[in-house]
């Protein structure tokens, strides 16, 4: 520490002030700490795990996608068809209480029937059809495939933070291999899929084609509800 003595006259007597030179050193220490933090932040961001995306890494031609689905071994994850957003599930007493849930609208039913007709014409094999027990998902599954196996593991719910265990069971289903010669259909909701597969959200009625990998899964394609005819066109060519 260096002390500087400044003298003057105050009321006829010498005045003395002492300045402590250690004060600027504290400021320098703070500056060095800020620089170190700025240098560390980019390195830390580079090591952070990138956010997962539910968009396919490459787009398959319709004919190639159809050929894969005909071979089987895939999971078709559908978000339920179009619904009435003026309704909600807040007053529902059970999953069978459709009167107090958000339900399909006529356009949603029409879209599901059209997709079902295209899937049948294409001959895409589907054995099991799992559905969230909500009325809108069960009805969508029945319109698409004529059956629905209600399963809590694919049930909807609020959005959950990344890495949350809320949808672990769904993640396990999407990673479990499916035998060749058939495909598994899952009819669920937007939030669970967004949580396990990443953004962007599936639109109502949209399907994701998933290749299960055992420990993980891969998004191969996304098919909007009105685009099944594109695969039908590929089959005719």
Protein backbone atom coordinates (compact mmCIF):
# COMPACT_ATOMS: atom_id res chain seq x y z
CA UNK A 1 0.00 0.00 0.00
CA UNK A 2 1.33 3.50 -0.91
CA UNK A 3 0.14 6.46 1.14
CA UNK A 4 0.11 9.91 -0.46
CA UNK A 5 0.11 12.85 1.90
CA UNK A 6 -1.45 16.10 0.69
CA UNK A 7 -1.22 19.09 2.93
CA UNK A 8 -3.13 22.30 2.85
CA UNK A 9 -4.45 24.90 5.18
CA UNK A 10 -7.74 24.54 6.96
CA UNK A 11 -8.65 27.09 9.57
CA UNK A 12 -5.00 27.98 9.78
CA UNK A 13 -3.87 24.40 10.36
CA UNK A 14 -2.32 21.90 7.91
CA UNK A 15 -4.89 19.51 6.44
CA UNK A 16 -3.86 15.97 5.60
CA UNK A 17 -5.52 13.44 3.28
CA UNK A 18 -4.42 9.86 2.82
CA UNK A 19 -5.17 7.90 -0.41
CA UNK A 20 -4.94 4.14 -0.38
CA UNK A 21 -3.47 2.86 -3.69
CA UNK A 22 -4.88 -0.61 -3.05
CA UNK A 23 -8.30 0.53 -4.33
CA UNK A 24 -7.40 0.41 -8.06
CA UNK A 25 -6.03 -3.11 -7.56
CA UNK A 26 -9.49 -4.29 -6.50
CA UNK A 27 -10.89 -2.83 -9.69
CA UNK A 28 -8.24 -4.63 -11.73
CA UNK A 29 -9.10 -7.91 -10.04
CA UNK A 30 -12.77 -7.44 -10.98
CA UNK A 31 -11.83 -6.65 -14.58
CA UNK A 32 -9.67 -9.77 -14.85
CA UNK A 33 -12.53 -11.85 -13.43
CA UNK A 34 -14.96 -10.46 -16.02
CA UNK A 35 -12.54 -11.18 -18.86
CA UNK A 36 -12.07 -14.74 -17.63
CA UNK A 37 -15.85 -15.22 -17.46
CA UNK A 38 -16.29 -13.93 -21.02
CA UNK A 39 -13.57 -16.28 -22.29
CA UNK A 40 -15.10 -19.25 -20.46
CA UNK A 41 -18.71 -18.70 -21.61
CA UNK A 42 -18.20 -19.52 -25.34
CA UNK A 43 -16.23 -22.64 -24.45
CA UNK A 44 -18.99 -23.78 -22.08
CA UNK A 45 -21.66 -23.18 -24.72
CA UNK A 46 -19.70 -25.28 -27.21
CA UNK A 47 -19.64 -28.23 -24.84
CA UNK A 48 -23.39 -27.99 -24.05
CA UNK A 49 -25.55 -30.61 -25.75
CA UNK A 50 -27.32 -29.11 -28.79
CA UNK A 51 -31.12 -29.01 -28.74
CA UNK A 52 -32.71 -31.96 -30.49
CA UNK A 53 -34.89 -31.37 -33.55
CA UNK A 54 -37.86 -33.43 -34.73
CA UNK A 55 -37.18 -32.51 -38.35
CA UNK A 56 -35.61 -35.29 -40.44
CA UNK A 57 -31.92 -34.85 -41.24
CA UNK A 58 -32.67 -35.45 -44.93
CA UNK A 59 -35.88 -35.62 -46.91
CA UNK A 60 -36.82 -38.91 -48.53
CA UNK A 61 -38.56 -38.95 -51.90
CA UNK A 62 -42.20 -40.15 -51.58
CA UNK A 63 -41.44 -43.39 -53.46
CA UNK A 64 -38.49 -44.17 -51.17
CA UNK A 65 -40.49 -43.40 -48.03
CA UNK A 66 -43.34 -45.62 -49.21
CA UNK A 67 -40.90 -48.46 -49.92
CA UNK A 68 -39.54 -48.18 -46.37
CA UNK A 69 -43.00 -48.20 -44.80
CA UNK A 70 -44.00 -51.24 -46.84
CA UNK A 71 -40.94 -53.08 -45.50
CA UNK A 72 -42.01 -52.25 -41.94
CA UNK A 73 -39.98 -51.75 -38.80
CA UNK A 74 -41.13 -48.15 -38.26
CA UNK A 75 -43.31 -46.23 -35.82
CA UNK A 76 -45.98 -43.84 -37.07
CA UNK A 77 -46.57 -41.23 -34.37
CA UNK A 78 -49.74 -39.24 -35.09
CA UNK A 79 -50.83 -36.16 -33.26
CA UNK A 80 -54.64 -36.32 -32.92
CA UNK A 81 -56.67 -34.71 -35.71
CA UNK A 82 -58.04 -31.14 -35.62
CA UNK A 83 -59.87 -30.15 -32.43
CA UNK A 84 -62.07 -27.41 -31.00
CA UNK A 85 -59.73 -25.08 -29.08
CA UNK A 86 -62.63 -23.38 -27.37
CA UNK A 87 -62.91 -26.57 -25.29
CA UNK A 88 -60.48 -27.87 -22.65
CA UNK A 89 -59.98 -30.80 -20.29
CA UNK A 90 -60.13 -28.92 -17.00
CA UNK A 91 -63.51 -30.29 -15.85
CA UNK A 92 -63.14 -33.87 -17.09
CA UNK A 93 -63.93 -36.48 -14.45
CA UNK A 94 -62.41 -39.41 -16.32
CA UNK A 95 -60.92 -40.23 -19.70
CA UNK A 96 -64.36 -41.50 -20.76
CA UNK A 97 -65.93 -38.12 -19.93
CA UNK A 98 -65.80 -36.81 -23.50
CA UNK A 99 -68.32 -34.03 -22.80
CA UNK A 100 -65.72 -32.19 -20.71
CA UNK A 101 -62.69 -32.64 -22.99
CA UNK A 102 -61.32 -30.95 -26.09
CA UNK A 103 -62.75 -33.01 -28.92
CA UNK A 104 -62.34 -33.45 -32.66
CA UNK A 105 -64.16 -31.13 -35.02
CA UNK A 106 -65.79 -32.29 -38.27
CA UNK A 107 -62.74 -31.26 -40.31
CA UNK A 108 -60.52 -33.36 -38.04
CA UNK A 109 -62.74 -36.39 -38.56
CA UNK A 110 -62.79 -35.83 -42.31
CA UNK A 111 -58.98 -35.48 -42.42
CA UNK A 112 -58.51 -38.69 -40.43
CA UNK A 113 -60.88 -40.64 -42.71
CA UNK A 114 -59.06 -39.41 -45.81
CA UNK A 115 -55.66 -40.37 -44.35
CA UNK A 116 -57.05 -43.79 -43.38
CA UNK A 117 -58.27 -44.41 -46.92
CA UNK A 118 -54.85 -43.49 -48.35
CA UNK A 119 -53.02 -45.75 -45.87
CA UNK A 120 -55.28 -48.66 -46.79
CA UNK A 121 -54.79 -48.07 -50.53
CA UNK A 122 -51.03 -47.97 -50.05
CA UNK A 123 -51.10 -51.26 -48.14
CA UNK A 124 -48.91 -49.95 -45.30
CA UNK A 125 -48.91 -52.71 -42.67
CA UNK A 126 -49.84 -51.66 -39.14
CA UNK A 127 -50.36 -54.19 -36.35
CA UNK A 128 -50.70 -52.49 -32.97
CA UNK A 129 -52.32 -49.09 -32.55
CA UNK A 130 -51.50 -47.41 -29.24
CA UNK A 131 -53.52 -44.37 -28.21
CA UNK A 132 -53.56 -41.88 -25.40
CA UNK A 133 -56.79 -42.48 -23.43
CA UNK A 134 -58.20 -39.00 -24.13
CA UNK A 135 -61.31 -39.00 -26.34
CA UNK A 136 -59.70 -37.04 -29.19
CA UNK A 137 -56.78 -39.46 -29.50
CA UNK A 138 -58.91 -42.60 -29.22
CA UNK A 139 -61.34 -41.28 -31.83
CA UNK A 140 -58.47 -40.36 -34.17
CA UNK A 141 -56.97 -43.86 -33.81
CA UNK A 142 -60.32 -45.50 -34.52
CA UNK A 143 -60.89 -43.33 -37.59
CA UNK A 144 -57.38 -44.06 -38.90
CA UNK A 145 -57.13 -47.79 -38.15
CA UNK A 146 -60.47 -48.98 -36.78
CA UNK A 147 -59.02 -49.80 -33.36
CA UNK A 148 -57.22 -48.28 -30.40
CA UNK A 149 -55.24 -49.79 -27.55
CA UNK A 150 -55.49 -47.22 -24.76
CA UNK A 151 -52.17 -46.71 -23.03
CA UNK A 152 -51.20 -44.33 -20.23
CA UNK A 153 -47.59 -44.31 -21.42
CA UNK A 154 -48.56 -42.19 -24.45
CA UNK A 155 -50.93 -39.93 -22.52
CA UNK A 156 -50.71 -36.21 -23.05
CA UNK A 157 -49.84 -33.55 -20.51
CA UNK A 158 -48.20 -30.16 -20.12
CA UNK A 159 -44.92 -29.28 -21.72
CA UNK A 160 -41.98 -30.44 -19.61
CA UNK A 161 -38.41 -29.10 -19.37
CA UNK A 162 -35.76 -30.71 -21.56
CA UNK A 163 -34.38 -33.82 -19.90
CA UNK A 164 -37.52 -34.24 -17.79
CA UNK A 165 -38.49 -37.80 -16.86
CA UNK A 166 -42.20 -37.10 -17.40
CA UNK A 167 -42.26 -38.80 -20.83
CA UNK A 168 -39.61 -41.47 -20.26
CA UNK A 169 -42.10 -44.27 -21.05
CA UNK A 170 -42.96 -42.70 -24.41
CA UNK A 171 -39.28 -42.27 -25.22
CA UNK A 172 -38.77 -45.97 -24.49
CA UNK A 173 -41.65 -46.95 -26.80
CA UNK A 174 -40.24 -44.87 -29.65
CA UNK A 175 -36.81 -46.46 -29.23
CA UNK A 176 -38.00 -50.10 -29.07
CA UNK A 177 -37.42 -51.93 -32.39
CA UNK A 178 -40.47 -52.99 -34.40
CA UNK A 179 -40.37 -56.31 -36.34
CA UNK A 180 -39.95 -56.16 -40.11
CA UNK A 181 -43.16 -56.64 -42.07
CA UNK A 182 -45.24 -54.42 -39.82
CA UNK A 183 -45.30 -50.94 -38.29
CA UNK A 184 -46.48 -49.61 -34.95
CA UNK A 185 -48.94 -46.70 -34.81
CA UNK A 186 -49.06 -44.34 -31.84
CA UNK A 187 -51.75 -41.66 -31.60
CA UNK A 188 -50.84 -39.04 -29.04
CA UNK A 189 -50.42 -35.33 -28.40
CA UNK A 190 -48.16 -32.44 -29.32
CA UNK A 191 -46.45 -31.82 -25.97
CA UNK A 192 -45.11 -35.33 -25.32
CA UNK A 193 -43.67 -35.63 -28.83
CA UNK A 194 -42.12 -32.15 -28.62
CA UNK A 195 -40.52 -33.06 -25.31
CA UNK A 196 -38.90 -36.32 -26.46
CA UNK A 197 -38.16 -35.45 -30.11
CA UNK A 198 -37.65 -31.68 -30.05
CA UNK A 199 -39.18 -28.79 -31.99
CA UNK A 200 -41.07 -27.97 -34.09
CA UNK A 201 -44.44 -29.20 -32.84
CA UNK A 202 -46.45 -31.64 -34.92
CA UNK A 203 -49.55 -30.03 -36.40
CA UNK A 204 -52.87 -31.62 -35.56
CA UNK A 205 -53.23 -34.76 -37.68
CA UNK A 206 -49.56 -34.74 -38.72
CA UNK A 207 -47.54 -37.96 -38.43
CA UNK A 208 -43.84 -38.51 -37.77
CA UNK A 209 -42.19 -41.59 -39.24
CA UNK A 210 -39.72 -42.90 -36.66
CA UNK A 211 -36.94 -45.45 -36.95
CA UNK A 212 -36.39 -47.05 -33.51
CA UNK A 213 -32.72 -47.66 -32.72
CA UNK A 214 -32.87 -49.53 -29.42
CA UNK A 215 -31.31 -46.90 -27.16
CA UNK A 216 -32.67 -43.97 -29.18
CA UNK A 217 -34.78 -43.17 -32.23
CA UNK A 218 -34.50 -41.20 -35.46
CA UNK A 219 -37.10 -39.08 -37.26
CA UNK A 220 -37.19 -40.25 -40.88
CA UNK A 221 -40.07 -38.12 -42.21
CA UNK A 222 -43.02 -35.98 -41.23
CA UNK A 223 -46.29 -36.36 -43.11
CA UNK A 224 -48.96 -33.64 -42.79
CA UNK A 225 -52.47 -35.04 -42.61
CA UNK A 226 -53.28 -33.90 -46.17
CA UNK A 227 -50.08 -35.30 -47.74
CA UNK A 228 -50.77 -39.02 -47.65
CA UNK A 229 -52.05 -38.72 -51.22
CA UNK A 230 -48.50 -37.74 -52.25
CA UNK A 231 -47.40 -41.24 -51.26
CA UNK A 232 -50.36 -42.64 -53.14
CA UNK A 233 -49.20 -40.72 -56.22
CA UNK A 234 -45.72 -42.24 -55.82
CA UNK A 235 -47.28 -45.72 -55.77
CA UNK A 236 -49.03 -45.06 -59.09
CA UNK A 237 -45.82 -43.87 -60.83
